[in-house]
C-alpha atoms as a PDB file:
ATOM      1  CA  UNK A   1      88.165  89.402  95.918  1.00  0.00           C
ATOM      2  CA  UNK A   2      88.342  87.185  92.705  1.00  0.00           C
ATOM      3  CA  UNK A   3      91.110  84.466  92.433  1.00  0.00           C
ATOM      4  CA  UNK A   4      93.611  85.850  89.885  1.00  0.00           C
ATOM      5  CA  UNK A   5      95.467  83.708  87.226  1.00  0.00           C
ATOM      6  CA  UNK A   6      98.183  84.302  84.740  1.00  0.00           C
ATOM      7  CA  UNK A   7      97.004  84.357  81.325  1.00  0.00           C
ATOM      8  CA  UNK A   8      99.942  85.470  78.670  1.00  0.00           C
ATOM      9  CA  UNK A   9      97.972  84.336  75.574  1.00  0.00           C
ATOM     10  CA  UNK A  10      94.703  86.237  75.104  1.00  0.00           C
ATOM     11  CA  UNK A  11      92.982  85.759  71.446  1.00  0.00           C
ATOM     12  CA  UNK A  12      91.331  88.922  69.933  1.00  0.00           C
ATOM     13  CA  UNK A  13      88.187  87.042  70.745  1.00  0.00           C
ATOM     14  CA  UNK A  14      88.877  87.431  74.394  1.00  0.00           C
ATOM     15  CA  UNK A  15      89.192  83.483  74.810  1.00  0.00           C
ATOM     16  CA  UNK A  16      92.671  81.789  76.118  1.00  0.00           C
ATOM     17  CA  UNK A  17      93.584  78.707  77.778  1.00  0.00           C
ATOM     18  CA  UNK A  18      95.353  78.662  81.093  1.00  0.00           C
ATOM     19  CA  UNK A  19      99.137  77.567  81.445  1.00  0.00           C
ATOM     20  CA  UNK A  20      98.996  74.118  82.926  1.00  0.00           C
ATOM     21  CA  UNK A  21     100.305  74.963  86.424  1.00  0.00           C
ATOM     22  CA  UNK A  22      97.839  77.910  86.628  1.00  0.00           C
ATOM     23  CA  UNK A  23      95.038  75.437  85.532  1.00  0.00           C
ATOM     24  CA  UNK A  24      96.200  72.906  87.975  1.00  0.00           C
ATOM     25  CA  UNK A  25      95.919  75.696  90.766  1.00  0.00           C
ATOM     26  CA  UNK A  26      92.394  76.588  89.502  1.00  0.00           C
ATOM     27  CA  UNK A  27      91.049  73.109  89.373  1.00  0.00           C
ATOM     28  CA  UNK A  28      92.900  71.276  91.974  1.00  0.00           C
ATOM     29  CA  UNK A  29      93.708  73.825  94.799  1.00  0.00           C
ATOM     30  CA  UNK A  30      90.824  76.171  94.390  1.00  0.00           C
ATOM     31  CA  UNK A  31      88.315  73.757  92.985  1.00  0.00           C
ATOM     32  CA  UNK A  32      86.976  76.105  90.525  1.00  0.00           C
ATOM     33  CA  UNK A  33      84.990  74.865  87.764  1.00  0.00           C
ATOM     34  CA  UNK A  34      82.868  75.932  84.652  1.00  0.00           C
ATOM     35  CA  UNK A  35      80.992  79.169  85.293  1.00  0.00           C
ATOM     36  CA  UNK A  36      83.148  80.407  87.789  1.00  0.00           C
ATOM     37  CA  UNK A  37      84.263  84.209  87.826  1.00  0.00           C
ATOM     38  CA  UNK A  38      88.107  84.794  87.910  1.00  0.00           C
ATOM     39  CA  UNK A  39      90.456  87.761  87.249  1.00  0.00           C
ATOM     40  CA  UNK A  40      93.272  87.154  84.513  1.00  0.00           C
ATOM     41  CA  UNK A  41      96.477  89.088  83.586  1.00  0.00           C
ATOM     42  CA  UNK A  42      98.608  88.881  80.607  1.00  0.00           C
ATOM     43  CA  UNK A  43     101.869  89.787  82.494  1.00  0.00           C
ATOM     44  CA  UNK A  44     102.440  93.123  80.455  1.00  0.00           C
ATOM     45  CA  UNK A  45     100.094  95.267  82.206  1.00  0.00           C
ATOM     46  CA  UNK A  46      96.418  94.028  81.374  1.00  0.00           C
ATOM     47  CA  UNK A  47      94.040  92.659  83.629  1.00  0.00           C
ATOM     48  CA  UNK A  48      90.375  91.401  82.875  1.00  0.00           C
ATOM     49  CA  UNK A  49      87.242  90.088  84.692  1.00  0.00           C
ATOM     50  CA  UNK A  50      86.951  86.471  83.192  1.00  0.00           C
ATOM     51  CA  UNK A  51      84.641  83.286  83.382  1.00  0.00           C
ATOM     52  CA  UNK A  52      85.779  79.667  83.209  1.00  0.00           C
ATOM     53  CA  UNK A  53      84.293  78.456  80.116  1.00  0.00           C
ATOM     54  CA  UNK A  54      85.483  74.692  79.933  1.00  0.00           C
ATOM     55  CA  UNK A  55      87.763  72.265  81.686  1.00  0.00           C
ATOM     56  CA  UNK A  56      89.094  69.269  80.203  1.00  0.00           C
ATOM     57  CA  UNK A  57      91.858  67.496  82.016  1.00  0.00           C
ATOM     58  CA  UNK A  58      94.699  70.115  82.528  1.00  0.00           C
ATOM     59  CA  UNK A  59      93.359  72.552  79.895  1.00  0.00           C
ATOM     60  CA  UNK A  60      91.029  75.279  81.233  1.00  0.00           C
ATOM     61  CA  UNK A  61      89.490  77.752  78.781  1.00  0.00           C
ATOM     62  CA  UNK A  62      88.337  81.161  80.162  1.00  0.00           C
ATOM     63  CA  UNK A  63      86.780  84.389  78.262  1.00  0.00           C
ATOM     64  CA  UNK A  64      87.496  87.602  79.303  1.00  0.00           C
ATOM     65  CA  UNK A  65      84.184  89.751  80.342  1.00  0.00           C
ATOM     66  CA  UNK A  66      85.804  93.139  80.411  1.00  0.00           C
ATOM     67  CA  UNK A  67      88.794  95.053  81.831  1.00  0.00           C
ATOM     68  CA  UNK A  68      89.515  95.044  85.361  1.00  0.00           C
ATOM     69  CA  UNK A  69      91.796  97.371  87.791  1.00  0.00           C
ATOM     70  CA  UNK A  70      95.320  96.279  88.565  1.00  0.00           C
ATOM     71  CA  UNK A  71      97.571  97.252  91.180  1.00  0.00           C
ATOM     72  CA  UNK A  72      99.406 100.690  90.107  1.00  0.00           C
ATOM     73  CA  UNK A  73     102.777 100.252  88.839  1.00  0.00           C
ATOM     74  CA  UNK A  74     105.756 102.389  90.250  1.00  0.00           C
ATOM     75  CA  UNK A  75     106.273 105.778  88.963  1.00  0.00           C
ATOM     76  CA  UNK A  76     110.121 104.840  88.529  1.00  0.00           C
ATOM     77  CA  UNK A  77     110.876 101.699  86.254  1.00  0.00           C
ATOM     78  CA  UNK A  78     113.357  99.777  88.185  1.00  0.00           C
ATOM     79  CA  UNK A  79     115.811  97.400  86.727  1.00  0.00           C
ATOM     80  CA  UNK A  80     117.322  95.190  89.715  1.00  0.00           C
ATOM     81  CA  UNK A  81     120.727  93.761  89.053  1.00  0.00           C
ATOM     82  CA  UNK A  82     121.055  91.398  91.765  1.00  0.00           C
ATOM     83  CA  UNK A  83     124.248  89.350  92.608  1.00  0.00           C
ATOM     84  CA  UNK A  84     123.013  85.646  92.622  1.00  0.00           C
ATOM     85  CA  UNK A  85     123.031  84.511  96.293  1.00  0.00           C
ATOM     86  CA  UNK A  86     123.301  80.885  97.808  1.00  0.00           C
ATOM     87  CA  UNK A  87     120.431  78.541  98.590  1.00  0.00           C
ATOM     88  CA  UNK A  88     116.798  79.941  98.248  1.00  0.00           C
ATOM     89  CA  UNK A  89     117.540  83.549  98.816  1.00  0.00           C
ATOM     90  CA  UNK A  90     117.070  84.535  95.441  1.00  0.00           C
ATOM     91  CA  UNK A  91     113.550  83.024  95.753  1.00  0.00           C
ATOM     92  CA  UNK A  92     112.961  85.699  98.403  1.00  0.00           C
ATOM     93  CA  UNK A  93     114.561  88.462  96.409  1.00  0.00           C
ATOM     94  CA  UNK A  94     112.310  87.865  93.147  1.00  0.00           C
ATOM     95  CA  UNK A  95     109.146  87.600  95.492  1.00  0.00           C
ATOM     96  CA  UNK A  96     109.781  90.813  97.334  1.00  0.00           C
ATOM     97  CA  UNK A  97     111.118  92.784  94.316  1.00  0.00           C
ATOM     98  CA  UNK A  98     108.047  91.613  92.386  1.00  0.00           C
ATOM     99  CA  UNK A  99     105.693  92.964  95.056  1.00  0.00           C
ATOM    100  CA  UNK A 100     107.684  96.458  95.405  1.00  0.00           C
ATOM    101  CA  UNK A 101     107.338  96.953  91.695  1.00  0.00           C
ATOM    102  CA  UNK A 102     110.461  95.712  89.779  1.00  0.00           C
ATOM    103  CA  UNK A 103     110.182  95.446  85.957  1.00  0.00           C
ATOM    104  CA  UNK A 104     113.189  93.988  85.273  1.00  0.00           C
ATOM    105  CA  UNK A 105     115.335  91.304  87.157  1.00  0.00           C
ATOM    106  CA  UNK A 106     118.986  90.555  85.820  1.00  0.00           C
ATOM    107  CA  UNK A 107     120.973  88.009  87.815  1.00  0.00           C
ATOM    108  CA  UNK A 108     124.700  88.573  87.748  1.00  0.00           C
ATOM    109  CA  UNK A 109     127.586  86.162  88.892  1.00  0.00           C
ATOM    110  CA  UNK A 110     130.181  88.004  90.807  1.00  0.00           C
ATOM    111  CA  UNK A 111     133.729  87.392  92.038  1.00  0.00           C
ATOM    112  CA  UNK A 112     132.449  86.360  95.421  1.00  0.00           C
ATOM    113  CA  UNK A 113     129.235  84.334  94.250  1.00  0.00           C
ATOM    114  CA  UNK A 114     129.554  80.871  95.153  1.00  0.00           C
ATOM    115  CA  UNK A 115     127.708  79.696  91.941  1.00  0.00           C
ATOM    116  CA  UNK A 116     128.892  79.734  88.049  1.00  0.00           C
ATOM    117  CA  UNK A 117     126.382  80.758  85.133  1.00  0.00           C
ATOM    118  CA  UNK A 118     126.819  77.284  83.504  1.00  0.00           C
ATOM    119  CA  UNK A 119     125.597  75.716  86.764  1.00  0.00           C
ATOM    120  CA  UNK A 120     122.545  77.970  87.073  1.00  0.00           C
ATOM    121  CA  UNK A 121     121.448  76.979  83.616  1.00  0.00           C
ATOM    122  CA  UNK A 122     121.587  73.301  84.606  1.00  0.00           C
ATOM    123  CA  UNK A 123     119.805  73.880  87.532  1.00  0.00           C
ATOM    124  CA  UNK A 124     116.921  75.516  85.831  1.00  0.00           C
ATOM    125  CA  UNK A 125     116.922  78.253  88.233  1.00  0.00           C
ATOM    126  CA  UNK A 126     115.761  80.987  86.106  1.00  0.00           C
ATOM    127  CA  UNK A 127     112.588  79.014  85.191  1.00  0.00           C
ATOM    128  CA  UNK A 128     111.964  78.547  89.186  1.00  0.00           C
ATOM    129  CA  UNK A 129     112.440  82.561  89.534  1.00  0.00           C
ATOM    130  CA  UNK A 130     110.015  83.191  86.729  1.00  0.00           C
ATOM    131  CA  UNK A 131     107.560  81.031  88.356  1.00  0.00           C
ATOM    132  CA  UNK A 132     108.088  83.020  91.574  1.00  0.00           C
ATOM    133  CA  UNK A 133     107.764  86.190  89.854  1.00  0.00           C
ATOM    134  CA  UNK A 134     104.355  85.100  88.314  1.00  0.00           C
ATOM    135  CA  UNK A 135     103.186  83.872  91.895  1.00  0.00           C
ATOM    136  CA  UNK A 136     104.263  87.015  93.550  1.00  0.00           C
ATOM    137  CA  UNK A 137     102.270  89.282  90.886  1.00  0.00           C
ATOM    138  CA  UNK A 138      99.269  87.326  91.335  1.00  0.00           C
ATOM    139  CA  UNK A 139      99.435  87.921  95.118  1.00  0.00           C
ATOM    140  CA  UNK A 140     100.078  91.571  95.072  1.00  0.00           C
ATOM    141  CA  UNK A 141      97.685  92.531  92.425  1.00  0.00           C
ATOM    142  CA  UNK A 142      99.952  93.490  89.482  1.00  0.00           C
ATOM    143  CA  UNK A 143      99.108  92.901  85.921  1.00  0.00           C
ATOM    144  CA  UNK A 144     102.614  92.930  84.969  1.00  0.00           C
ATOM    145  CA  UNK A 145     105.127  90.141  85.565  1.00  0.00           C
ATOM    146  CA  UNK A 146     109.021  91.201  85.808  1.00  0.00           C
ATOM    147  CA  UNK A 147     111.351  90.076  83.141  1.00  0.00           C
ATOM    148  CA  UNK A 148     113.476  87.679  84.994  1.00  0.00           C
ATOM    149  CA  UNK A 149     116.810  87.360  82.597  1.00  0.00           C
ATOM    150  CA  UNK A 150     119.273  84.778  82.497  1.00  0.00           C
ATOM    151  CA  UNK A 151     122.222  85.158  84.687  1.00  0.00           C
ATOM    152  CA  UNK A 152     125.266  86.984  83.519  1.00  0.00           C
ATOM    153  CA  UNK A 153     128.934  87.532  84.362  1.00  0.00           C
ATOM    154  CA  UNK A 154     129.072  90.956  86.292  1.00  0.00           C
ATOM    155  CA  UNK A 155     131.944  91.852  83.935  1.00  0.00           C
ATOM    156  CA  UNK A 156     129.894  91.018  80.980  1.00  0.00           C
ATOM    157  CA  UNK A 157     126.711  93.013  82.015  1.00  0.00           C
ATOM    158  CA  UNK A 158     129.065  96.094  82.861  1.00  0.00           C
ATOM    159  CA  UNK A 159     130.598  95.855  79.303  1.00  0.00           C
ATOM    160  CA  UNK A 160     127.127  95.810  78.028  1.00  0.00           C
ATOM    161  CA  UNK A 161     126.210  99.191  79.374  1.00  0.00           C
ATOM    162  CA  UNK A 162     128.666 100.964  77.178  1.00  0.00           C
ATOM    163  CA  UNK A 163     127.038  99.717  74.004  1.00  0.00           C
ATOM    164  CA  UNK A 164     124.486 101.886  72.317  1.00  0.00           C
ATOM    165  CA  UNK A 165     120.949 100.947  71.033  1.00  0.00           C
ATOM    166  CA  UNK A 166     120.352 102.281  67.762  1.00  0.00           C
ATOM    167  CA  UNK A 167     121.054 106.175  67.316  1.00  0.00           C
ATOM    168  CA  UNK A 168     120.516 106.730  71.079  1.00  0.00           C
ATOM    169  CA  UNK A 169     122.873 107.547  73.748  1.00  0.00           C
ATOM    170  CA  UNK A 170     124.595 104.918  75.847  1.00  0.00           C
ATOM    171  CA  UNK A 171     122.532 102.626  77.931  1.00  0.00           C
ATOM    172  CA  UNK A 172     123.888 103.688  81.251  1.00  0.00           C
ATOM    173  CA  UNK A 173     122.751 107.550  80.057  1.00  0.00           C
ATOM    174  CA  UNK A 174     119.525 106.215  79.270  1.00  0.00           C
ATOM    175  CA  UNK A 175     118.878 104.063  82.506  1.00  0.00           C
ATOM    176  CA  UNK A 176     121.329 105.341  85.064  1.00  0.00           C
ATOM    177  CA  UNK A 177     123.131 102.592  87.243  1.00  0.00           C
ATOM    178  CA  UNK A 178     123.335 103.058  90.941  1.00  0.00           C
ATOM    179  CA  UNK A 179     125.429 100.784  92.774  1.00  0.00           C
ATOM    180  CA  UNK A 180     124.899 100.060  96.473  1.00  0.00           C
ATOM    181  CA  UNK A 181     128.029  99.432  98.484  1.00  0.00           C
ATOM    182  CA  UNK A 182     129.386  99.647 102.001  1.00  0.00           C
ATOM    183  CA  UNK A 183     130.452 103.183 103.051  1.00  0.00           C
ATOM    184  CA  UNK A 184     134.092 101.895 103.600  1.00  0.00           C
ATOM    185  CA  UNK A 185     134.898 101.191  99.898  1.00  0.00           C
ATOM    186  CA  UNK A 186     134.726 104.926  99.130  1.00  0.00           C
ATOM    187  CA  UNK A 187     132.836 107.998  98.710  1.00  0.00           C
ATOM    188  CA  UNK A 188     128.946 107.400  98.206  1.00  0.00           C
ATOM    189  CA  UNK A 189     126.234 109.935  97.206  1.00  0.00           C
ATOM    190  CA  UNK A 190     122.801 109.870  99.047  1.00  0.00           C
ATOM    191  CA  UNK A 191     119.740 108.964  96.901  1.00  0.00           C
ATOM    192  CA  UNK A 192     118.101 112.353  97.678  1.00  0.00           C
ATOM    193  CA  UNK A 193     120.935 114.175  96.178  1.00  0.00           C
ATOM    194  CA  UNK A 194     121.014 111.896  92.732  1.00  0.00           C
ATOM    195  CA  UNK A 195     118.934 113.455  90.029  1.00  0.00           C
ATOM    196  CA  UNK A 196     115.428 111.769  89.442  1.00  0.00           C
ATOM    197  CA  UNK A 197     115.131 109.571  86.564  1.00  0.00           C
ATOM    198  CA  UNK A 198     112.118 107.550  85.099  1.00  0.00           C
ATOM    199  CA  UNK A 199     114.030 104.449  84.733  1.00  0.00           C
ATOM    200  CA  UNK A 200     116.970 103.334  86.930  1.00  0.00           C
ATOM    201  CA  UNK A 201     119.385 100.079  87.437  1.00  0.00           C
ATOM    202  CA  UNK A 202     119.773  99.260  90.787  1.00  0.00           C
ATOM    203  CA  UNK A 203     122.764  97.005  91.312  1.00  0.00           C
ATOM    204  CA  UNK A 204     123.196  95.033  94.603  1.00  0.00           C
ATOM    205  CA  UNK A 205     126.124  92.721  95.649  1.00  0.00           C
ATOM    206  CA  UNK A 206     126.591  89.378  96.941  1.00  0.00           C
ATOM    207  CA  UNK A 207     126.972  88.295 100.672  1.00  0.00           C
ATOM    208  CA  UNK A 208     130.496  89.016 100.789  1.00  0.00           C
ATOM    209  CA  UNK A 209     130.311  92.377  99.109  1.00  0.00           C
ATOM    210  CA  UNK A 210     131.931  93.686  95.995  1.00  0.00           C
ATOM    211  CA  UNK A 211     135.516  92.909  95.254  1.00  0.00           C
ATOM    212  CA  UNK A 212     138.183  95.840  94.795  1.00  0.00           C
ATOM    213  CA  UNK A 213     138.163  94.969  91.038  1.00  0.00           C
ATOM    214  CA  UNK A 214     134.342  95.369  90.708  1.00  0.00           C
ATOM    215  CA  UNK A 215     134.469  98.408  92.548  1.00  0.00           C
ATOM    216  CA  UNK A 216     137.122  99.825  90.111  1.00  0.00           C
ATOM    217  CA  UNK A 217     135.020  98.533  87.147  1.00  0.00           C
ATOM    218  CA  UNK A 218     131.896 100.254  88.598  1.00  0.00           C
ATOM    219  CA  UNK A 219     133.996 103.590  88.868  1.00  0.00           C
ATOM    220  CA  UNK A 220     135.030 103.152  85.314  1.00  0.00           C
ATOM    221  CA  UNK A 221     131.859 102.967  83.786  1.00  0.00           C
ATOM    222  CA  UNK A 222     130.803 105.986  85.391  1.00  0.00           C
ATOM    223  CA  UNK A 223     127.971 104.356  87.883  1.00  0.00           C
ATOM    224  CA  UNK A 224     126.894 106.023  91.016  1.00  0.00           C
ATOM    225  CA  UNK A 225     127.985 104.816  94.255  1.00  0.00           C
ATOM    226  CA  UNK A 226     125.110 104.901  97.248  1.00  0.00           C
ATOM    227  CA  UNK A 227     125.230 103.515 100.711  1.00  0.00           C
ATOM    228  CA  UNK A 228     122.266 102.358 102.730  1.00  0.00           C
ATOM    229  CA  UNK A 229     123.691 103.483 106.080  1.00  0.00           C
ATOM    230  CA  UNK A 230     126.311 102.484 108.389  1.00  0.00           C
ATOM    231  CA  UNK A 231     124.884  98.963 109.166  1.00  0.00           C
ATOM    232  CA  UNK A 232     125.524  95.872 107.003  1.00  0.00           C
ATOM    233  CA  UNK A 233     122.317  94.417 105.754  1.00  0.00           C
ATOM    234  CA  UNK A 234     121.711  90.918 104.541  1.00  0.00           C
ATOM    235  CA  UNK A 235     122.230  90.528 100.753  1.00  0.00           C
ATOM    236  CA  UNK A 236     118.625  89.240 100.387  1.00  0.00           C
ATOM    237  CA  UNK A 237     117.427  92.241 102.388  1.00  0.00           C
ATOM    238  CA  UNK A 238     119.094  94.823 100.800  1.00  0.00           C
ATOM    239  CA  UNK A 239     117.518  95.118  97.319  1.00  0.00           C
ATOM    240  CA  UNK A 240     114.202  95.411  99.282  1.00  0.00           C
ATOM    241  CA  UNK A 241     115.519  98.509 101.257  1.00  0.00           C
ATOM    242  CA  UNK A 242     117.213  99.880  98.266  1.00  0.00           C
ATOM    243  CA  UNK A 243     114.103 100.071  96.220  1.00  0.00           C
ATOM    244  CA  UNK A 244     111.999 101.526  99.189  1.00  0.00           C
ATOM    245  CA  UNK A 245     114.744 103.993  99.675  1.00  0.00           C
ATOM    246  CA  UNK A 246     114.650 105.025  96.101  1.00  0.00           C
ATOM    247  CA  UNK A 247     110.767 105.248  95.954  1.00  0.00           C
ATOM    248  CA  UNK A 248     110.694 107.440  98.873  1.00  0.00           C
ATOM    249  CA  UNK A 249     113.722 109.659  97.883  1.00  0.00           C
ATOM    250  CA  UNK A 250     112.225 110.061  94.261  1.00  0.00           C
ATOM    251  CA  UNK A 251     108.554 109.869  94.909  1.00  0.00           C
ATOM    252  CA  UNK A 252     108.205 106.587  93.043  1.00  0.00           C
ATOM    253  CA  UNK A 253     105.605 104.803  95.063  1.00  0.00           C
END
C-alpha cells in the first residue's frame, strides 16, 4: 500500500505542493524523496496516484499520475452534532467518527459542558481536531476529510435548524435530527422504525447527559429521540455506537 498524503490544492496541470506538516511527514518520518510513488487525496473525494517531483526544505512538490481508488463513502451522509468533551476525548471522537464515515462534525457547548465557546477558540482546539480528521482519513483510506466546524452554543445550533435555505424546506426537514438520550428522559423511538434518509444529523450529549431545558428544546424543535439501550455509555463511545447502529438499521455501510 502506498503512503497517502493530504493535498488540498491540485492545479489543473496535476501539480501541487503538500502542506508543511504533510511534507515533514513525507521527508522526515517516512524518508521519502524525489521519484518516490505515493497517493494523494484532496479531501473532497478525489484520490490520485502521484510521484514526488521535487523537495526543497519544507516544500514538497508532487505530480499526479492518474486516479486512484479511495475507500467508499457511507450511503448515509452523517452530520455528527457532538457535545464538547473534556480533555482529549474529543480527539478520539473525531478520529473514530472520521473512520466511520462522518461528513460534518459540529461541536456544541451544552449546559453540562465543562468548557465555553470562547475558551475553545483561544485554545486552537478546532485546528487540532481538523488535523486529527486529516490523519484519520489518511489511515482509513478515505478521500474525503470531514468538515470540522467551529463550536456553537447548543441553543444557537438548535435555533439555526428552524432557518430556511433559499426556497427549500426548513433544515431539520431536509436533514432530520436524531437525538440520542437516556430512556429515563422520556419516550424514544427505535432507529429501525425511523424513515430512512439520505442525510441525517446525529446529536450526542456530554458526560452528564442533557439538561431538562435542552430536552424540552429538542422536543419543541421536533427532533426525534432515540435510545441506544438501557446501559449508560461513555460520551466518547456513544457517537461510534450511534453511527454503527444507524448504518446497520438503514443499510448505510
